[in-house]
């Protein structure tokens, strides 16, 4: 698993909380969206199947679940 800086993870976590209709009950979806946006520069469209950085996704998810 690739390690990402705490500052990157913290800034992405803040960005996630600002997404429209953010909900902790759907945190997997929002972490996936942030990982997608970080890799591709845009939020995913409805049927977007481009790859994401799975390590980043898992670290974001772990950070939210630890809080």
N, C-alpha and C. Protein backbone atom coordinates (compact mmCIF):
# COMPACT_ATOMS: atom_id res chain seq x y z
N UNK A 1 0.85 -1.18 0.00
CA UNK A 1 0.00 0.00 0.00
C UNK A 1 0.89 1.24 0.00
N UNK A 2 0.62 2.13 -0.92
CA UNK A 2 1.37 3.37 -1.03
C UNK A 2 0.95 4.33 0.07
N UNK A 3 1.93 4.94 0.73
CA UNK A 3 1.61 5.90 1.78
C UNK A 3 1.44 7.29 1.20
N UNK A 4 0.41 7.96 1.60
CA UNK A 4 0.16 9.33 1.18
C UNK A 4 0.38 10.25 2.37
N UNK A 5 0.75 11.49 2.10
CA UNK A 5 1.00 12.43 3.18
C UNK A 5 -0.28 12.72 3.95
N UNK A 6 -0.10 12.98 5.22
CA UNK A 6 -1.25 13.32 6.06
C UNK A 6 -1.93 14.59 5.57
N UNK A 7 -1.15 15.52 5.04
CA UNK A 7 -1.75 16.77 4.56
C UNK A 7 -2.65 16.50 3.35
N UNK A 8 -2.26 15.61 2.46
CA UNK A 8 -3.11 15.26 1.32
C UNK A 8 -4.38 14.58 1.81
N UNK A 9 -4.24 13.60 2.70
CA UNK A 9 -5.41 12.90 3.22
C UNK A 9 -6.35 13.85 3.96
N UNK A 10 -5.78 14.76 4.75
CA UNK A 10 -6.61 15.74 5.48
C UNK A 10 -7.35 16.66 4.51
N UNK A 11 -6.65 17.14 3.48
CA UNK A 11 -7.31 18.05 2.54
C UNK A 11 -8.40 17.33 1.75
N UNK A 12 -8.17 16.07 1.38
CA UNK A 12 -9.21 15.31 0.68
C UNK A 12 -10.39 15.02 1.60
N UNK A 13 -10.13 14.77 2.87
CA UNK A 13 -11.23 14.54 3.82
C UNK A 13 -12.10 15.79 3.95
N UNK A 14 -11.48 16.95 4.00
CA UNK A 14 -12.25 18.20 4.05
C UNK A 14 -13.06 18.38 2.78
N UNK A 15 -12.46 18.06 1.64
CA UNK A 15 -13.16 18.17 0.36
C UNK A 15 -14.36 17.23 0.33
N UNK A 16 -14.17 16.01 0.83
CA UNK A 16 -15.26 15.03 0.86
C UNK A 16 -16.44 15.57 1.65
N UNK A 17 -16.18 16.16 2.79
CA UNK A 17 -17.26 16.69 3.63
C UNK A 17 -18.03 17.82 2.95
N UNK A 18 -17.41 18.46 1.95
CA UNK A 18 -18.06 19.55 1.22
C UNK A 18 -18.82 19.08 -0.02
N UNK A 19 -18.73 17.80 -0.35
CA UNK A 19 -19.47 17.29 -1.51
C UNK A 19 -20.97 17.44 -1.26
N UNK A 20 -21.72 17.74 -2.32
CA UNK A 20 -23.18 17.83 -2.16
C UNK A 20 -23.75 16.50 -1.65
N UNK A 21 -24.69 16.60 -0.74
CA UNK A 21 -25.38 15.46 -0.14
C UNK A 21 -24.44 14.49 0.59
N UNK A 22 -23.34 15.03 1.15
CA UNK A 22 -22.40 14.20 1.91
C UNK A 22 -23.15 13.47 3.03
N UNK A 23 -22.82 12.21 3.20
CA UNK A 23 -23.44 11.40 4.25
C UNK A 23 -22.44 10.36 4.73
N UNK A 24 -22.28 10.26 6.05
CA UNK A 24 -21.39 9.24 6.60
C UNK A 24 -21.90 7.83 6.33
N UNK A 25 -23.19 7.69 6.10
CA UNK A 25 -23.72 6.36 5.81
C UNK A 25 -23.30 5.88 4.42
N UNK A 26 -22.84 6.79 3.57
CA UNK A 26 -22.37 6.44 2.24
C UNK A 26 -20.90 6.81 2.06
N UNK A 27 -20.12 6.68 3.12
CA UNK A 27 -18.73 7.14 3.09
C UNK A 27 -17.90 6.42 2.04
N UNK A 28 -18.20 5.16 1.75
CA UNK A 28 -17.46 4.44 0.71
C UNK A 28 -17.61 5.14 -0.64
N UNK A 29 -18.82 5.56 -0.95
CA UNK A 29 -19.09 6.26 -2.21
C UNK A 29 -18.32 7.58 -2.27
N UNK A 30 -18.33 8.34 -1.19
CA UNK A 30 -17.68 9.65 -1.20
C UNK A 30 -16.16 9.54 -1.23
N UNK A 31 -15.59 8.53 -0.56
CA UNK A 31 -14.14 8.31 -0.64
C UNK A 31 -13.75 7.89 -2.06
N UNK A 32 -14.59 7.07 -2.70
CA UNK A 32 -14.34 6.67 -4.08
C UNK A 32 -14.37 7.89 -4.99
N UNK A 33 -15.34 8.77 -4.77
CA UNK A 33 -15.44 9.99 -5.58
C UNK A 33 -14.19 10.86 -5.44
N UNK A 34 -13.69 10.98 -4.21
CA UNK A 34 -12.50 11.80 -3.97
C UNK A 34 -11.27 11.18 -4.62
N UNK A 35 -11.14 9.87 -4.52
CA UNK A 35 -10.01 9.19 -5.16
C UNK A 35 -10.08 9.35 -6.68
N UNK A 36 -11.28 9.30 -7.23
CA UNK A 36 -11.48 9.49 -8.67
C UNK A 36 -11.10 10.91 -9.07
N UNK A 37 -11.60 11.87 -8.31
CA UNK A 37 -11.31 13.28 -8.63
C UNK A 37 -9.81 13.56 -8.52
N UNK A 38 -9.17 12.99 -7.52
CA UNK A 38 -7.72 13.21 -7.34
C UNK A 38 -6.94 12.66 -8.53
N UNK A 39 -7.31 11.48 -9.02
CA UNK A 39 -6.58 10.84 -10.12
C UNK A 39 -6.90 11.46 -11.48
N UNK A 40 -8.16 11.76 -11.73
CA UNK A 40 -8.58 12.19 -13.06
C UNK A 40 -8.86 13.70 -13.18
N UNK A 41 -8.90 14.40 -12.06
CA UNK A 41 -9.10 15.85 -12.08
C UNK A 41 -10.54 16.29 -12.15
N UNK A 42 -11.47 15.34 -12.22
CA UNK A 42 -12.90 15.66 -12.26
C UNK A 42 -13.66 14.63 -11.45
N UNK A 43 -14.83 15.04 -10.96
CA UNK A 43 -15.69 14.09 -10.28
C UNK A 43 -16.22 13.08 -11.30
N UNK A 44 -16.53 11.88 -10.87
CA UNK A 44 -17.03 10.87 -11.82
C UNK A 44 -18.41 11.22 -12.33
N UNK A 45 -18.66 10.85 -13.57
CA UNK A 45 -20.02 10.97 -14.10
C UNK A 45 -20.81 9.76 -13.63
N UNK A 46 -22.07 9.72 -13.96
CA UNK A 46 -22.96 8.68 -13.43
C UNK A 46 -22.47 7.27 -13.72
N UNK A 47 -21.98 7.02 -14.90
CA UNK A 47 -21.55 5.66 -15.27
C UNK A 47 -20.05 5.57 -15.52
N UNK A 48 -19.28 6.38 -14.82
CA UNK A 48 -17.83 6.43 -15.00
C UNK A 48 -17.19 5.17 -14.44
N UNK A 49 -16.44 4.46 -15.25
CA UNK A 49 -15.81 3.23 -14.80
C UNK A 49 -14.28 3.31 -14.85
N UNK A 50 -13.75 4.52 -14.95
CA UNK A 50 -12.29 4.65 -14.96
C UNK A 50 -11.72 4.18 -13.62
N UNK A 51 -10.50 3.68 -13.68
CA UNK A 51 -9.84 3.19 -12.47
C UNK A 51 -9.55 4.33 -11.52
N UNK A 52 -9.49 3.98 -10.25
CA UNK A 52 -9.07 4.93 -9.22
C UNK A 52 -7.82 4.38 -8.55
N UNK A 53 -7.19 5.18 -7.72
CA UNK A 53 -6.05 4.73 -6.92
C UNK A 53 -6.63 4.04 -5.68
N UNK A 54 -6.63 2.72 -5.70
CA UNK A 54 -7.26 1.96 -4.62
C UNK A 54 -6.58 2.19 -3.28
N UNK A 55 -5.27 2.37 -3.28
CA UNK A 55 -4.56 2.65 -2.02
C UNK A 55 -5.04 3.95 -1.40
N UNK A 56 -5.21 4.97 -2.23
CA UNK A 56 -5.71 6.25 -1.73
C UNK A 56 -7.12 6.10 -1.19
N UNK A 57 -7.97 5.40 -1.94
CA UNK A 57 -9.34 5.15 -1.50
C UNK A 57 -9.36 4.47 -0.13
N UNK A 58 -8.56 3.42 0.04
CA UNK A 58 -8.55 2.68 1.30
C UNK A 58 -8.03 3.52 2.46
N UNK A 59 -7.04 4.36 2.19
CA UNK A 59 -6.52 5.23 3.25
C UNK A 59 -7.54 6.29 3.65
N UNK A 60 -8.26 6.84 2.67
CA UNK A 60 -9.32 7.81 3.00
C UNK A 60 -10.42 7.14 3.83
N UNK A 61 -10.82 5.96 3.42
CA UNK A 61 -11.84 5.22 4.12
C UNK A 61 -11.40 4.92 5.55
N UNK A 62 -10.17 4.49 5.70
CA UNK A 62 -9.64 4.18 7.03
C UNK A 62 -9.61 5.44 7.91
N UNK A 63 -9.24 6.55 7.32
CA UNK A 63 -9.18 7.81 8.08
C UNK A 63 -10.55 8.22 8.58
N UNK A 64 -11.59 8.08 7.74
CA UNK A 64 -12.94 8.41 8.18
C UNK A 64 -13.44 7.45 9.24
N UNK A 65 -13.16 6.18 9.07
CA UNK A 65 -13.65 5.19 10.02
C UNK A 65 -12.95 5.26 11.36
N UNK A 66 -11.74 5.82 11.38
CA UNK A 66 -10.98 5.97 12.63
C UNK A 66 -11.52 7.11 13.48
N UNK A 67 -12.24 8.03 12.85
CA UNK A 67 -12.75 9.21 13.58
C UNK A 67 -14.01 8.89 14.32
